[in-house]
């Protein structure tokens, strides 16, 4: 997956913003599961940040979860999550 990190981040950005994407990403089961969880976590955080009544405690939990998943993703793929 490492050689395609720019593509992964581009696709991820579109997904997080709620845009349609049509691509396939290859990797082993653990890598793809982690990426899926990281995408969902990043999108949840983005949505909460858009909420003018965002709850600080919820934001902190979302950030912590995304950071943990980012660390796992780095260990599994060698790709540092930029989003």
PDB file of N, CA and C in Angstrom:
ATOM      1  N   UNK A   1       0.802  -1.197   0.000  1.00  0.00           N
ATOM      2  CA  UNK A   1       0.000   0.000   0.000  1.00  0.00           C
ATOM      3  C   UNK A   1       0.849   1.268   0.000  1.00  0.00           C
ATOM      4  N   UNK A   2       2.054   1.207   0.522  1.00  0.00           N
ATOM      5  CA  UNK A   2       2.863   2.411   0.732  1.00  0.00           C
ATOM      6  C   UNK A   2       3.071   3.220  -0.552  1.00  0.00           C
ATOM      7  N   UNK A   3       3.275   2.560  -1.684  1.00  0.00           N
ATOM      8  CA  UNK A   3       3.559   3.305  -2.902  1.00  0.00           C
ATOM      9  C   UNK A   3       2.351   4.086  -3.412  1.00  0.00           C
ATOM     10  N   UNK A   4       1.194   3.804  -2.855  1.00  0.00           N
ATOM     11  CA  UNK A   4      -0.024   4.487  -3.297  1.00  0.00           C
ATOM     12  C   UNK A   4      -0.563   5.429  -2.224  1.00  0.00           C
ATOM     13  N   UNK A   5       0.306   5.924  -1.341  1.00  0.00           N
ATOM     14  CA  UNK A   5      -0.193   6.733  -0.232  1.00  0.00           C
ATOM     15  C   UNK A   5      -0.860   8.028  -0.686  1.00  0.00           C
ATOM     16  N   UNK A   6      -0.391   8.661  -1.752  1.00  0.00           N
ATOM     17  CA  UNK A   6      -1.040   9.887  -2.244  1.00  0.00           C
ATOM     18  C   UNK A   6      -2.448   9.593  -2.747  1.00  0.00           C
ATOM     19  N   UNK A   7      -2.597   8.480  -3.449  1.00  0.00           N
ATOM     20  CA  UNK A   7      -3.913   8.093  -3.946  1.00  0.00           C
ATOM     21  C   UNK A   7      -4.854   7.791  -2.778  1.00  0.00           C
ATOM     22  N   UNK A   8      -4.356   7.091  -1.780  1.00  0.00           N
ATOM     23  CA  UNK A   8      -5.182   6.756  -0.621  1.00  0.00           C
ATOM     24  C   UNK A   8      -5.668   8.034   0.057  1.00  0.00           C
ATOM     25  N   UNK A   9      -4.781   8.999   0.244  1.00  0.00           N
ATOM     26  CA  UNK A   9      -5.176  10.244   0.892  1.00  0.00           C
ATOM     27  C   UNK A   9      -6.156  11.049   0.029  1.00  0.00           C
ATOM     28  N   UNK A  10      -5.975  11.025  -1.270  1.00  0.00           N
ATOM     29  CA  UNK A  10      -6.893  11.733  -2.161  1.00  0.00           C
ATOM     30  C   UNK A  10      -8.288  11.117  -2.087  1.00  0.00           C
ATOM     31  N   UNK A  11      -8.351   9.805  -2.166  1.00  0.00           N
ATOM     32  CA  UNK A  11      -9.632   9.101  -2.077  1.00  0.00           C
ATOM     33  C   UNK A  11     -10.251   9.326  -0.704  1.00  0.00           C
ATOM     34  N   UNK A  12      -9.427   9.263   0.339  1.00  0.00           N
ATOM     35  CA  UNK A  12      -9.914   9.461   1.700  1.00  0.00           C
ATOM     36  C   UNK A  12     -10.513  10.853   1.871  1.00  0.00           C
ATOM     37  N   UNK A  13      -9.862  11.863   1.333  1.00  0.00           N
ATOM     38  CA  UNK A  13     -10.373  13.228   1.453  1.00  0.00           C
ATOM     39  C   UNK A  13     -11.753  13.351   0.809  1.00  0.00           C
ATOM     40  N   UNK A  14     -11.912  12.751  -0.359  1.00  0.00           N
ATOM     41  CA  UNK A  14     -13.221  12.786  -1.026  1.00  0.00           C
ATOM     42  C   UNK A  14     -14.266  12.062  -0.183  1.00  0.00           C
ATOM     43  N   UNK A  15     -13.899  10.915   0.391  1.00  0.00           N
ATOM     44  CA  UNK A  15     -14.833  10.157   1.222  1.00  0.00           C
ATOM     45  C   UNK A  15     -15.241  10.959   2.460  1.00  0.00           C
ATOM     46  N   UNK A  16     -14.267  11.539   3.140  1.00  0.00           N
ATOM     47  CA  UNK A  16     -14.537  12.297   4.357  1.00  0.00           C
ATOM     48  C   UNK A  16     -15.471  13.472   4.076  1.00  0.00           C
ATOM     49  N   UNK A  17     -15.320  14.093   2.921  1.00  0.00           N
ATOM     50  CA  UNK A  17     -16.175  15.214   2.537  1.00  0.00           C
ATOM     51  C   UNK A  17     -17.544  14.770   2.027  1.00  0.00           C
ATOM     52  N   UNK A  18     -17.761  13.457   1.935  1.00  0.00           N
ATOM     53  CA  UNK A  18     -19.049  12.937   1.507  1.00  0.00           C
ATOM     54  C   UNK A  18     -19.229  12.885   0.006  1.00  0.00           C
ATOM     55  N   UNK A  19     -18.144  12.971  -0.733  1.00  0.00           N
ATOM     56  CA  UNK A  19     -18.216  12.931  -2.188  1.00  0.00           C
ATOM     57  C   UNK A  19     -18.196  11.483  -2.677  1.00  0.00           C
ATOM     58  N   UNK A  20     -18.739  11.269  -3.850  1.00  0.00           N
ATOM     59  CA  UNK A  20     -18.739   9.928  -4.437  1.00  0.00           C
ATOM     60  C   UNK A  20     -17.336   9.555  -4.886  1.00  0.00           C
ATOM     61  N   UNK A  21     -16.974   8.316  -4.616  1.00  0.00           N
ATOM     62  CA  UNK A  21     -15.688   7.802  -5.078  1.00  0.00           C
ATOM     63  C   UNK A  21     -15.919   6.445  -5.712  1.00  0.00           C
ATOM     64  N   UNK A  22     -15.107   6.142  -6.693  1.00  0.00           N
ATOM     65  CA  UNK A  22     -15.197   4.852  -7.361  1.00  0.00           C
ATOM     66  C   UNK A  22     -13.772   4.372  -7.614  1.00  0.00           C
ATOM     67  N   UNK A  23     -13.243   3.621  -6.665  1.00  0.00           N
ATOM     68  CA  UNK A  23     -11.892   3.113  -6.790  1.00  0.00           C
ATOM     69  C   UNK A  23     -11.771   1.865  -5.938  1.00  0.00           C
ATOM     70  N   UNK A  24     -10.719   1.123  -6.166  1.00  0.00           N
ATOM     71  CA  UNK A  24     -10.453  -0.031  -5.304  1.00  0.00           C
ATOM     72  C   UNK A  24      -9.041   0.120  -4.751  1.00  0.00           C
ATOM     73  N   UNK A  25      -8.904  -0.272  -3.497  1.00  0.00           N
ATOM     74  CA  UNK A  25      -7.617  -0.199  -2.817  1.00  0.00           C
ATOM     75  C   UNK A  25      -7.270  -1.603  -2.371  1.00  0.00           C
ATOM     76  N   UNK A  26      -6.051  -2.004  -2.654  1.00  0.00           N
ATOM     77  CA  UNK A  26      -5.619  -3.353  -2.319  1.00  0.00           C
ATOM     78  C   UNK A  26      -4.764  -3.344  -1.062  1.00  0.00           C
ATOM     79  N   UNK A  27      -4.833  -4.416  -0.329  1.00  0.00           N
ATOM     80  CA  UNK A  27      -4.046  -4.604   0.875  1.00  0.00           C
ATOM     81  C   UNK A  27      -4.517  -5.864   1.557  1.00  0.00           C
ATOM     82  N   UNK A  28      -3.844  -6.232   2.635  1.00  0.00           N
ATOM     83  CA  UNK A  28      -4.310  -7.415   3.348  1.00  0.00           C
ATOM     84  C   UNK A  28      -5.519  -7.053   4.206  1.00  0.00           C
ATOM     85  N   UNK A  29      -6.147  -8.050   4.781  1.00  0.00           N
ATOM     86  CA  UNK A  29      -7.391  -7.852   5.520  1.00  0.00           C
ATOM     87  C   UNK A  29      -7.215  -6.861   6.669  1.00  0.00           C
ATOM     88  N   UNK A  30      -6.138  -6.982   7.428  1.00  0.00           N
ATOM     89  CA  UNK A  30      -5.904  -6.076   8.555  1.00  0.00           C
ATOM     90  C   UNK A  30      -5.715  -4.634   8.090  1.00  0.00           C
ATOM     91  N   UNK A  31      -4.985  -4.442   7.011  1.00  0.00           N
ATOM     92  CA  UNK A  31      -4.761  -3.098   6.474  1.00  0.00           C
ATOM     93  C   UNK A  31      -6.069  -2.461   6.011  1.00  0.00           C
ATOM     94  N   UNK A  32      -6.862  -3.228   5.281  1.00  0.00           N
ATOM     95  CA  UNK A  32      -8.110  -2.693   4.742  1.00  0.00           C
ATOM     96  C   UNK A  32      -9.131  -2.418   5.842  1.00  0.00           C
ATOM     97  N   UNK A  33      -9.172  -3.287   6.850  1.00  0.00           N
ATOM     98  CA  UNK A  33     -10.078  -3.065   7.979  1.00  0.00           C
ATOM     99  C   UNK A  33      -9.678  -1.813   8.738  1.00  0.00           C
ATOM    100  N   UNK A  34      -8.395  -1.650   8.972  1.00  0.00           N
ATOM    101  CA  UNK A  34      -7.901  -0.462   9.669  1.00  0.00           C
ATOM    102  C   UNK A  34      -8.204   0.790   8.858  1.00  0.00           C
ATOM    103  N   UNK A  35      -7.983   0.741   7.553  1.00  0.00           N
ATOM    104  CA  UNK A  35      -8.274   1.888   6.692  1.00  0.00           C
ATOM    105  C   UNK A  35      -9.756   2.232   6.747  1.00  0.00           C
ATOM    106  N   UNK A  36     -10.605   1.242   6.692  1.00  0.00           N
ATOM    107  CA  UNK A  36     -12.043   1.469   6.749  1.00  0.00           C
ATOM    108  C   UNK A  36     -12.426   2.151   8.071  1.00  0.00           C
ATOM    109  N   UNK A  37     -11.895   1.654   9.167  1.00  0.00           N
ATOM    110  CA  UNK A  37     -12.183   2.249  10.470  1.00  0.00           C
ATOM    111  C   UNK A  37     -11.635   3.670  10.568  1.00  0.00           C
ATOM    112  N   UNK A  38     -10.465   3.882  10.008  1.00  0.00           N
ATOM    113  CA  UNK A  38      -9.845   5.206  10.024  1.00  0.00           C
ATOM    114  C   UNK A  38     -10.646   6.192   9.181  1.00  0.00           C
ATOM    115  N   UNK A  39     -11.134   5.753   8.049  1.00  0.00           N
ATOM    116  CA  UNK A  39     -11.974   6.608   7.206  1.00  0.00           C
ATOM    117  C   UNK A  39     -13.250   7.012   7.938  1.00  0.00           C
ATOM    118  N   UNK A  40     -13.896   6.048   8.573  1.00  0.00           N
ATOM    119  CA  UNK A  40     -15.129   6.327   9.310  1.00  0.00           C
ATOM    120  C   UNK A  40     -14.854   7.275  10.471  1.00  0.00           C
ATOM    121  N   UNK A  41     -13.771   7.031  11.187  1.00  0.00           N
ATOM    122  CA  UNK A  41     -13.409   7.875  12.316  1.00  0.00           C
ATOM    123  C   UNK A  41     -13.108   9.303  11.861  1.00  0.00           C
ATOM    124  N   UNK A  42     -12.366   9.428  10.780  1.00  0.00           N
ATOM    125  CA  UNK A  42     -12.031  10.752  10.243  1.00  0.00           C
ATOM    126  C   UNK A  42     -13.281  11.489   9.773  1.00  0.00           C
ATOM    127  N   UNK A  43     -14.191  10.762   9.146  1.00  0.00           N
ATOM    128  CA  UNK A  43     -15.434  11.373   8.676  1.00  0.00           C
ATOM    129  C   UNK A  43     -16.303  11.805   9.855  1.00  0.00           C
ATOM    130  N   UNK A  44     -16.397  10.955  10.878  1.00  0.00           N
ATOM    131  CA  UNK A  44     -17.170  11.314  12.074  1.00  0.00           C
ATOM    132  C   UNK A  44     -16.619  12.586  12.718  1.00  0.00           C
ATOM    133  N   UNK A  45     -15.297  12.678  12.798  1.00  0.00           N
ATOM    134  CA  UNK A  45     -14.666  13.865  13.372  1.00  0.00           C
ATOM    135  C   UNK A  45     -14.962  15.094  12.508  1.00  0.00           C
ATOM    136  N   UNK A  46     -14.849  14.966  11.210  1.00  0.00           N
ATOM    137  CA  UNK A  46     -15.133  16.077  10.302  1.00  0.00           C
ATOM    138  C   UNK A  46     -16.580  16.568  10.480  1.00  0.00           C
ATOM    139  N   UNK A  47     -17.499  15.626  10.546  1.00  0.00           N
ATOM    140  CA  UNK A  47     -18.916  15.986  10.701  1.00  0.00           C
ATOM    141  C   UNK A  47     -19.141  16.707  12.029  1.00  0.00           C
ATOM    142  N   UNK A  48     -18.538  16.190  13.083  1.00  0.00           N
ATOM    143  CA  UNK A  48     -18.707  16.827  14.398  1.00  0.00           C
ATOM    144  C   UNK A  48     -18.083  18.224  14.420  1.00  0.00           C
ATOM    145  N   UNK A  49     -16.971  18.386  13.744  1.00  0.00           N
ATOM    146  CA  UNK A  49     -16.339  19.701  13.688  1.00  0.00           C
ATOM    147  C   UNK A  49     -17.199  20.718  12.930  1.00  0.00           C
ATOM    148  N   UNK A  50     -18.041  20.256  12.026  1.00  0.00           N
ATOM    149  CA  UNK A  50     -18.942  21.130  11.273  1.00  0.00           C
ATOM    150  C   UNK A  50     -20.154  21.542  12.096  1.00  0.00           C
ATOM    151  N   UNK A  51     -20.405  20.837  13.193  1.00  0.00           N
ATOM    152  CA  UNK A  51     -21.557  21.084  14.046  1.00  0.00           C
ATOM    153  C   UNK A  51     -21.286  22.309  14.927  1.00  0.00           C
ATOM    154  N   UNK A  52     -22.103  23.335  14.783  1.00  0.00           N
ATOM    155  CA  UNK A  52     -21.880  24.547  15.578  1.00  0.00           C
ATOM    156  C   UNK A  52     -22.147  24.319  17.065  1.00  0.00           C
ATOM    157  N   UNK A  53     -22.834  23.242  17.400  1.00  0.00           N
ATOM    158  CA  UNK A  53     -23.091  22.900  18.803  1.00  0.00           C
ATOM    159  C   UNK A  53     -22.252  21.693  19.233  1.00  0.00           C
ATOM    160  N   UNK A  54     -21.090  21.555  18.649  1.00  0.00           N
ATOM    161  CA  UNK A  54     -20.228  20.394  18.928  1.00  0.00           C
ATOM    162  C   UNK A  54     -19.900  20.321  20.411  1.00  0.00           C
ATOM    163  N   UNK A  55     -19.884  19.097  20.903  1.00  0.00           N
ATOM    164  CA  UNK A  55     -19.556  18.832  22.297  1.00  0.00           C
ATOM    165  C   UNK A  55     -18.057  18.565  22.416  1.00  0.00           C
ATOM    166  N   UNK A  56     -17.383  19.303  23.289  1.00  0.00           N
ATOM    167  CA  UNK A  56     -15.935  19.185  23.431  1.00  0.00           C
ATOM    168  C   UNK A  56     -15.521  17.771  23.831  1.00  0.00           C
ATOM    169  N   UNK A  57     -16.242  17.162  24.759  1.00  0.00           N
ATOM    170  CA  UNK A  57     -15.891  15.802  25.186  1.00  0.00           C
ATOM    171  C   UNK A  57     -16.015  14.805  24.036  1.00  0.00           C
ATOM    172  N   UNK A  58     -17.055  14.969  23.244  1.00  0.00           N
ATOM    173  CA  UNK A  58     -17.225  14.088  22.081  1.00  0.00           C
ATOM    174  C   UNK A  58     -16.087  14.302  21.085  1.00  0.00           C
ATOM    175  N   UNK A  59     -15.727  15.556  20.853  1.00  0.00           N
ATOM    176  CA  UNK A  59     -14.624  15.856  19.942  1.00  0.00           C
ATOM    177  C   UNK A  59     -13.322  15.225  20.427  1.00  0.00           C
ATOM    178  N   UNK A  60     -13.060  15.334  21.714  1.00  0.00           N
ATOM    179  CA  UNK A  60     -11.825  14.759  22.264  1.00  0.00           C
ATOM    180  C   UNK A  60     -11.792  13.243  22.103  1.00  0.00           C
ATOM    181  N   UNK A  61     -12.928  12.588  22.299  1.00  0.00           N
ATOM    182  CA  UNK A  61     -12.998  11.133  22.114  1.00  0.00           C
ATOM    183  C   UNK A  61     -12.790  10.762  20.647  1.00  0.00           C
ATOM    184  N   UNK A  62     -13.391  11.525  19.752  1.00  0.00           N
ATOM    185  CA  UNK A  62     -13.226  11.271  18.321  1.00  0.00           C
ATOM    186  C   UNK A  62     -11.767  11.460  17.898  1.00  0.00           C
ATOM    187  N   UNK A  63     -11.136  12.495  18.418  1.00  0.00           N
ATOM    188  CA  UNK A  63      -9.724  12.751  18.096  1.00  0.00           C
ATOM    189  C   UNK A  63      -8.839  11.635  18.625  1.00  0.00           C
ATOM    190  N   UNK A  64      -9.096  11.204  19.847  1.00  0.00           N
ATOM    191  CA  UNK A  64      -8.304  10.121  20.432  1.00  0.00           C
ATOM    192  C   UNK A  64      -8.461   8.833  19.626  1.00  0.00           C
ATOM    193  N   UNK A  65      -9.681   8.521  19.235  1.00  0.00           N
ATOM    194  CA  UNK A  65      -9.931   7.320  18.443  1.00  0.00           C
ATOM    195  C   UNK A  65      -9.214   7.401  17.098  1.00  0.00           C
ATOM    196  N   UNK A  66      -9.330   8.564  16.437  1.00  0.00           N
ATOM    197  CA  UNK A  66      -8.667   8.727  15.133  1.00  0.00           C
ATOM    198  C   UNK A  66      -7.151   8.632  15.271  1.00  0.00           C
ATOM    199  N   UNK A  67      -6.602   9.202  16.316  1.00  0.00           N
ATOM    200  CA  UNK A  67      -5.155   9.123  16.531  1.00  0.00           C
ATOM    201  C   UNK A  67      -4.699   7.687  16.776  1.00  0.00           C
ATOM    202  N   UNK A  68      -5.476   6.933  17.536  1.00  0.00           N
ATOM    203  CA  UNK A  68      -5.140   5.525  17.775  1.00  0.00           C
ATOM    204  C   UNK A  68      -5.187   4.725  16.476  1.00  0.00           C
ATOM    205  N   UNK A  69      -6.204   4.971  15.684  1.00  0.00           N
ATOM    206  CA  UNK A  69      -6.313   4.283  14.396  1.00  0.00           C
ATOM    207  C   UNK A  69      -5.195   4.718  13.446  1.00  0.00           C
ATOM    208  N   UNK A  70      -4.813   5.979  13.496  1.00  0.00           N
ATOM    209  CA  UNK A  70      -3.702   6.476  12.670  1.00  0.00           C
ATOM    210  C   UNK A  70      -2.406   5.763  13.022  1.00  0.00           C
ATOM    211  N   UNK A  71      -2.176   5.556  14.322  1.00  0.00           N
ATOM    212  CA  UNK A  71      -0.989   4.835  14.765  1.00  0.00           C
ATOM    213  C   UNK A  71      -1.008   3.393  14.263  1.00  0.00           C
ATOM    214  N   UNK A  72      -2.165   2.753  14.374  1.00  0.00           N
ATOM    215  CA  UNK A  72      -2.300   1.373  13.889  1.00  0.00           C
ATOM    216  C   UNK A  72      -2.081   1.303  12.387  1.00  0.00           C
ATOM    217  N   UNK A  73      -2.629   2.263  11.659  1.00  0.00           N
ATOM    218  CA  UNK A  73      -2.484   2.300  10.210  1.00  0.00           C
ATOM    219  C   UNK A  73      -1.019   2.446   9.821  1.00  0.00           C
ATOM    220  N   UNK A  74      -0.306   3.302  10.525  1.00  0.00           N
ATOM    221  CA  UNK A  74       1.118   3.487  10.259  1.00  0.00           C
ATOM    222  C   UNK A  74       1.886   2.184  10.492  1.00  0.00           C
ATOM    223  N   UNK A  75       1.579   1.494  11.564  1.00  0.00           N
ATOM    224  CA  UNK A  75       2.261   0.236  11.868  1.00  0.00           C
ATOM    225  C   UNK A  75       1.958  -0.836  10.819  1.00  0.00           C
ATOM    226  N   UNK A  76       0.723  -0.852  10.338  1.00  0.00           N
ATOM    227  CA  UNK A  76       0.314  -1.880   9.369  1.00  0.00           C
ATOM    228  C   UNK A  76       0.795  -1.595   7.946  1.00  0.00           C
ATOM    229  N   UNK A  77       0.881  -0.314   7.596  1.00  0.00           N
ATOM    230  CA  UNK A  77       1.141   0.032   6.198  1.00  0.00           C
ATOM    231  C   UNK A  77       2.413   0.819   5.965  1.00  0.00           C
ATOM    232  N   UNK A  78       2.927   1.463   6.994  1.00  0.00           N
ATOM    233  CA  UNK A  78       4.062   2.355   6.824  1.00  0.00           C
ATOM    234  C   UNK A  78       3.653   3.725   6.309  1.00  0.00           C
ATOM    235  N   UNK A  79       2.344   3.971   6.220  1.00  0.00           N
ATOM    236  CA  UNK A  79       1.814   5.239   5.719  1.00  0.00           C
ATOM    237  C   UNK A  79       1.365   6.091   6.887  1.00  0.00           C
ATOM    238  N   UNK A  80       1.877   7.307   6.952  1.00  0.00           N
ATOM    239  CA  UNK A  80       1.485   8.255   7.988  1.00  0.00           C
ATOM    240  C   UNK A  80       0.210   8.953   7.555  1.00  0.00           C
ATOM    241  N   UNK A  81      -0.841   8.869   8.377  1.00  0.00           N
ATOM    242  CA  UNK A  81      -2.133   9.460   8.048  1.00  0.00           C
ATOM    243  C   UNK A  81      -2.043  10.966   8.126  1.00  0.00           C
ATOM    244  N   UNK A  82      -2.440  11.639   7.054  1.00  0.00           N
ATOM    245  CA  UNK A  82      -2.295  13.090   6.973  1.00  0.00           C
ATOM    246  C   UNK A  82      -3.606  13.832   7.157  1.00  0.00           C
ATOM    247  N   UNK A  83      -4.698  13.103   7.284  1.00  0.00           N
ATOM    248  CA  UNK A  83      -6.001  13.778   7.362  1.00  0.00           C
ATOM    249  C   UNK A  83      -6.582  13.724   8.754  1.00  0.00           C
TER     250      UNK A  83
END
